[in-house]
């Protein structure tokens, strides 16, 4: 059974890698005794990962951008990327922080939530010092959904605002004032995945948080993220997370 803890800026999960990780809009750290693997937002996990149990830390893009801006390392027209994604790396300092995070989660001594928040903050600084690179791109800008290409900004915000209903490629492209053909090619080139795969990732992220933080019926959560039938939602959610929605909710820690 997976164990989960969800906060506004991060999600910590212990899981067996029996299902592949779907692309997500978050930054991922996958760690086990074999080392640490970084995954950039919207990046498919094609590397050979441990098949046994691992920890997965998901860091919100907006959170890392906020820390980078506060530290003065991010400028307009720049974005953050892991230098060496999908490679097993050794970093003693980062490994110690991750070990401390998991120990706080498992022991849950007095003040454990505050300790976890502090450790995540230290981790963000460590990543910015050693593992994240600030890439200059004049087309990139900060929006309410994170760093986006300004040519795609309207479409990306449109996806986030309307992920609870069916969206055609034509409708998404129209939000960016581009033809379907030009939009689809530009989106894949810039974001690294197709518009509908990005939409699916946004839906799963929203569903995870609703399952962990509300008592809404699973069928209603499925409907809120664009899946009218509960069986279809369950199938898609399990493929993306490795757990059906009910088991995910049972494993999640209530705030």
Protein backbone atom coordinates (compact mmCIF):
# COMPACT_ATOMS: atom_id res chain seq x y z
CA UNK A 1 0.00 0.00 0.00
CA UNK A 2 1.35 3.39 -0.96
CA UNK A 3 1.68 6.13 1.63
CA UNK A 4 0.90 9.70 0.67
CA UNK A 5 1.18 13.14 2.12
CA UNK A 6 -0.09 16.19 0.24
CA UNK A 7 0.67 19.81 0.97
CA UNK A 8 0.00 22.86 -1.17
CA UNK A 9 3.53 22.97 -2.61
CA UNK A 10 4.51 19.31 -2.64
CA UNK A 11 3.35 15.70 -2.55
CA UNK A 12 5.35 12.90 -0.92
CA UNK A 13 4.51 9.37 -1.98
CA UNK A 14 5.93 5.92 -1.23
CA UNK A 15 5.01 3.48 -3.96
CA UNK A 16 6.06 0.40 -5.85
CA UNK A 17 7.02 1.12 -9.46
CA UNK A 18 4.59 -1.41 -10.87
CA UNK A 19 3.05 1.27 -13.09
CA UNK A 20 4.98 3.87 -15.12
CA UNK A 21 4.81 7.48 -14.01
CA UNK A 22 2.72 9.62 -16.32
CA UNK A 23 4.10 13.02 -17.43
CA UNK A 24 3.14 15.73 -14.96
CA UNK A 25 3.35 19.51 -14.68
CA UNK A 26 5.44 19.11 -11.49
CA UNK A 27 9.15 18.53 -10.85
CA UNK A 28 9.80 14.98 -9.61
CA UNK A 29 12.50 13.49 -7.39
CA UNK A 30 12.44 9.69 -7.36
CA UNK A 31 14.72 8.28 -4.70
CA UNK A 32 15.74 4.88 -3.34
CA UNK A 33 18.96 3.27 -2.06
CA UNK A 34 20.04 3.14 -5.72
CA UNK A 35 20.17 6.94 -5.95
CA UNK A 36 18.09 9.95 -6.96
CA UNK A 37 16.44 10.51 -10.34
CA UNK A 38 15.11 13.91 -11.45
CA UNK A 39 12.22 14.38 -13.87
CA UNK A 40 11.35 17.70 -15.49
CA UNK A 41 7.74 18.84 -15.92
CA UNK A 42 5.95 17.17 -18.85
CA UNK A 43 8.82 14.70 -19.30
CA UNK A 44 8.05 11.06 -19.97
CA UNK A 45 9.82 8.71 -17.56
CA UNK A 46 11.64 6.43 -19.97
CA UNK A 47 14.63 5.61 -17.75
CA UNK A 48 15.04 2.21 -16.11
CA UNK A 49 13.82 2.75 -12.55
CA UNK A 50 13.93 0.38 -9.55
CA UNK A 51 11.02 -2.05 -9.67
CA UNK A 52 10.79 -2.22 -5.90
CA UNK A 53 9.46 0.47 -3.57
CA UNK A 54 10.64 4.05 -4.04
CA UNK A 55 9.83 7.49 -2.67
CA UNK A 56 8.52 10.13 -5.05
CA UNK A 57 8.60 13.82 -4.14
CA UNK A 58 6.53 16.05 -6.43
CA UNK A 59 7.39 19.74 -6.21
CA UNK A 60 4.96 22.27 -7.62
CA UNK A 61 6.39 24.37 -10.44
CA UNK A 62 4.96 27.55 -8.97
CA UNK A 63 6.67 26.80 -5.64
CA UNK A 64 10.13 26.34 -7.17
CA UNK A 65 9.64 29.46 -9.28
CA UNK A 66 8.67 31.40 -6.14
CA UNK A 67 11.80 30.25 -4.30
CA UNK A 68 14.02 31.00 -7.31
CA UNK A 69 12.52 34.48 -7.66
CA UNK A 70 12.96 35.15 -3.94
CA UNK A 71 16.63 34.14 -4.16
CA UNK A 72 17.14 36.39 -7.17
CA UNK A 73 18.17 33.64 -9.60
CA UNK A 74 15.17 33.86 -11.91
CA UNK A 75 14.59 36.67 -14.35
CA UNK A 76 11.83 37.45 -16.80
CA UNK A 77 12.16 35.30 -19.88
CA UNK A 78 13.81 32.38 -18.02
CA UNK A 79 12.67 28.98 -16.77
CA UNK A 80 14.05 26.13 -14.66
CA UNK A 81 15.14 22.69 -15.84
CA UNK A 82 17.02 19.85 -14.16
CA UNK A 83 20.52 19.62 -15.62
CA UNK A 84 20.64 15.84 -15.71
CA UNK A 85 17.13 14.39 -15.77
CA UNK A 86 16.45 10.65 -15.82
CA UNK A 87 19.93 9.77 -14.53
CA UNK A 88 20.71 8.10 -11.23
CA UNK A 89 22.72 10.64 -9.21
CA UNK A 90 24.49 10.68 -5.85
CA UNK A 91 24.21 13.84 -3.72
CA UNK A 92 24.95 13.25 -0.05
CA UNK A 93 23.43 16.55 1.12
CA UNK A 94 20.23 16.10 -0.87
CA UNK A 95 20.00 12.44 0.17
CA UNK A 96 20.24 13.47 3.85
CA UNK A 97 17.42 15.99 3.39
CA UNK A 98 15.24 13.40 1.66
CA UNK A 99 15.98 10.87 4.41
CA UNK A 100 15.01 13.45 7.02
CA UNK A 101 11.79 14.17 5.15
CA UNK A 102 10.75 10.52 5.02
CA UNK A 103 11.69 9.97 8.68
CA UNK A 104 9.53 12.92 9.78
CA UNK A 105 6.66 11.54 7.72
CA UNK A 106 6.98 8.03 9.16
CA UNK A 107 7.58 8.94 12.83
CA UNK A 108 5.17 11.92 13.00
CA UNK A 109 6.62 13.32 16.20
CA UNK A 110 5.49 16.68 17.53
CA UNK A 111 5.84 19.39 14.85
CA UNK A 112 6.46 16.90 12.02
CA UNK A 113 4.47 18.87 9.44
CA UNK A 114 6.46 22.03 10.16
CA UNK A 115 9.72 20.06 9.97
CA UNK A 116 8.69 18.64 6.60
CA UNK A 117 7.93 22.12 5.26
CA UNK A 118 11.34 23.34 6.44
CA UNK A 119 13.13 20.37 4.85
CA UNK A 120 11.33 20.90 1.54
CA UNK A 121 12.42 24.55 1.62
CA UNK A 122 16.04 23.49 2.17
CA UNK A 123 15.70 20.98 -0.66
CA UNK A 124 14.45 23.67 -3.03
CA UNK A 125 17.53 25.78 -2.29
CA UNK A 126 19.81 22.74 -2.74
CA UNK A 127 18.22 21.98 -6.11
CA UNK A 128 18.64 25.57 -7.25
CA UNK A 129 22.30 25.55 -6.19
CA UNK A 130 23.32 22.22 -7.68
CA UNK A 131 20.78 20.60 -9.97
CA UNK A 132 18.52 23.17 -11.64
CA UNK A 133 19.67 25.39 -14.45
CA UNK A 134 18.05 28.70 -15.35
CA UNK A 135 17.50 28.69 -19.11
CA UNK A 136 17.02 31.92 -21.00
CA UNK A 137 14.12 31.98 -23.43
CA UNK A 138 12.68 35.28 -24.55
CA UNK A 139 9.41 33.56 -25.38
CA UNK A 140 8.93 32.33 -21.78
CA UNK A 141 7.05 34.27 -19.11
CA UNK A 142 5.64 33.71 -15.62
CA UNK A 143 1.88 33.16 -15.48
CA UNK A 144 -0.54 31.97 -12.82
CA UNK A 145 0.08 28.39 -14.00
CA UNK A 146 3.86 28.72 -13.89
CA UNK A 147 6.47 29.49 -16.55
CA UNK A 148 4.90 29.21 -20.00
CA UNK A 149 5.66 30.17 -23.55
CA UNK A 150 3.81 33.42 -24.17
CA UNK A 151 2.61 32.06 -27.52
CA UNK A 152 0.90 29.20 -25.66
CA UNK A 153 -0.06 31.03 -22.47
CA UNK A 154 -3.73 31.52 -23.30
CA UNK A 155 -4.10 27.88 -24.34
CA UNK A 156 -2.40 26.53 -21.21
CA UNK A 157 -4.49 28.69 -18.90
CA UNK A 158 -7.55 27.66 -20.91
CA UNK A 159 -6.71 23.98 -20.27
CA UNK A 160 -6.36 24.57 -16.52
CA UNK A 161 -9.61 26.54 -16.36
CA UNK A 162 -11.62 24.04 -18.41
CA UNK A 163 -10.12 20.64 -17.54
CA UNK A 164 -13.48 19.50 -16.20
CA UNK A 165 -15.08 19.19 -19.64
CA UNK A 166 -14.28 17.71 -23.01
CA UNK A 167 -11.87 19.88 -24.98
CA UNK A 168 -11.15 19.51 -28.67
CA UNK A 169 -7.81 20.40 -30.22
CA UNK A 170 -9.59 23.06 -32.27
CA UNK A 171 -11.00 24.70 -29.13
CA UNK A 172 -7.65 24.72 -27.34
CA UNK A 173 -5.83 26.04 -30.43
CA UNK A 174 -8.43 28.79 -30.82
CA UNK A 175 -7.60 30.03 -27.31
CA UNK A 176 -4.03 30.67 -28.56
CA UNK A 177 -5.27 32.21 -31.84
CA UNK A 178 -3.39 29.54 -33.81
CA UNK A 179 -4.37 26.95 -36.38
CA UNK A 180 -4.71 23.38 -35.09
CA UNK A 181 -1.70 22.21 -37.11
CA UNK A 182 0.60 25.06 -36.04
CA UNK A 183 -0.59 24.89 -32.43
CA UNK A 184 -0.12 21.11 -32.09
CA UNK A 185 3.44 21.26 -33.48
CA UNK A 186 4.40 24.28 -31.37
CA UNK A 187 2.90 22.80 -28.19
CA UNK A 188 4.76 19.48 -28.60
CA UNK A 189 8.02 21.29 -29.34
CA UNK A 190 7.78 23.71 -26.41
CA UNK A 191 5.99 21.68 -23.73
CA UNK A 192 7.35 18.25 -24.65
CA UNK A 193 4.02 16.48 -24.87
CA UNK A 194 0.77 16.74 -26.81
CA UNK A 195 -2.04 19.09 -25.71
CA UNK A 196 -4.27 16.18 -24.73
CA UNK A 197 -1.53 14.43 -22.75
CA UNK A 198 -0.97 17.72 -20.93
CA UNK A 199 -4.72 17.97 -20.29
CA UNK A 200 -4.72 14.43 -18.87
CA UNK A 201 -1.83 15.33 -16.51
CA UNK A 202 -3.66 18.45 -15.29
CA UNK A 203 -6.78 16.36 -14.63
CA UNK A 204 -4.88 13.73 -12.64
CA UNK A 205 -3.12 16.36 -10.52
CA UNK A 206 -6.45 18.01 -9.69
CA UNK A 207 -8.02 14.63 -8.91
CA UNK A 208 -5.17 13.67 -6.56
CA UNK A 209 -5.64 16.81 -4.53
CA UNK A 210 -9.42 16.53 -4.42
CA UNK A 211 -9.19 12.90 -3.27
CA UNK A 212 -6.72 13.79 -0.52
CA UNK A 213 -8.27 17.03 0.72
CA UNK A 214 -12.05 16.57 0.35
CA UNK A 215 -14.77 14.04 1.13
CA UNK A 216 -16.41 14.42 -2.27
CA UNK A 217 -17.70 11.15 -3.78
CA UNK A 218 -15.26 9.60 -6.22
CA UNK A 219 -17.83 9.82 -9.01
CA UNK A 220 -18.15 13.59 -8.44
CA UNK A 221 -14.38 14.06 -8.44
CA UNK A 222 -14.19 12.15 -11.71
CA UNK A 223 -16.86 14.40 -13.19
CA UNK A 224 -15.07 17.53 -11.95
CA UNK A 225 -11.93 16.56 -13.82
CA UNK A 226 -13.66 15.62 -17.03
CA UNK A 227 -14.49 11.92 -16.68
CA UNK A 228 -18.24 11.34 -16.76
CA UNK A 229 -18.15 7.63 -15.89
CA UNK A 230 -16.60 6.43 -12.62
CA UNK A 231 -15.23 3.26 -14.22
CA UNK A 232 -13.42 5.29 -16.88
CA UNK A 233 -12.05 7.68 -14.26
CA UNK A 234 -10.87 4.75 -12.12
CA UNK A 235 -9.08 3.15 -15.09
CA UNK A 236 -7.34 6.38 -16.14
CA UNK A 237 -6.40 7.31 -12.56
CA UNK A 238 -4.95 3.87 -11.86
CA UNK A 239 -2.91 3.92 -15.06
CA UNK A 240 -1.45 7.29 -14.04
CA UNK A 241 -0.81 6.68 -10.33
CA UNK A 242 -0.68 2.91 -9.84
CA UNK A 243 -3.67 3.04 -7.46
CA UNK A 244 -7.43 3.23 -7.94
CA UNK A 245 -8.99 6.43 -6.54
CA UNK A 246 -10.38 4.80 -3.39
CA UNK A 247 -7.04 3.22 -2.46
CA UNK A 248 -5.29 6.53 -3.17
CA UNK A 249 -7.69 8.30 -0.81
CA UNK A 250 -7.20 5.65 1.88
CA UNK A 251 -3.41 6.03 1.60
CA UNK A 252 -3.42 9.82 1.65
CA UNK A 253 -2.78 11.58 4.92
CA UNK A 254 -5.54 13.95 6.02
CA UNK A 255 -4.32 17.43 6.85
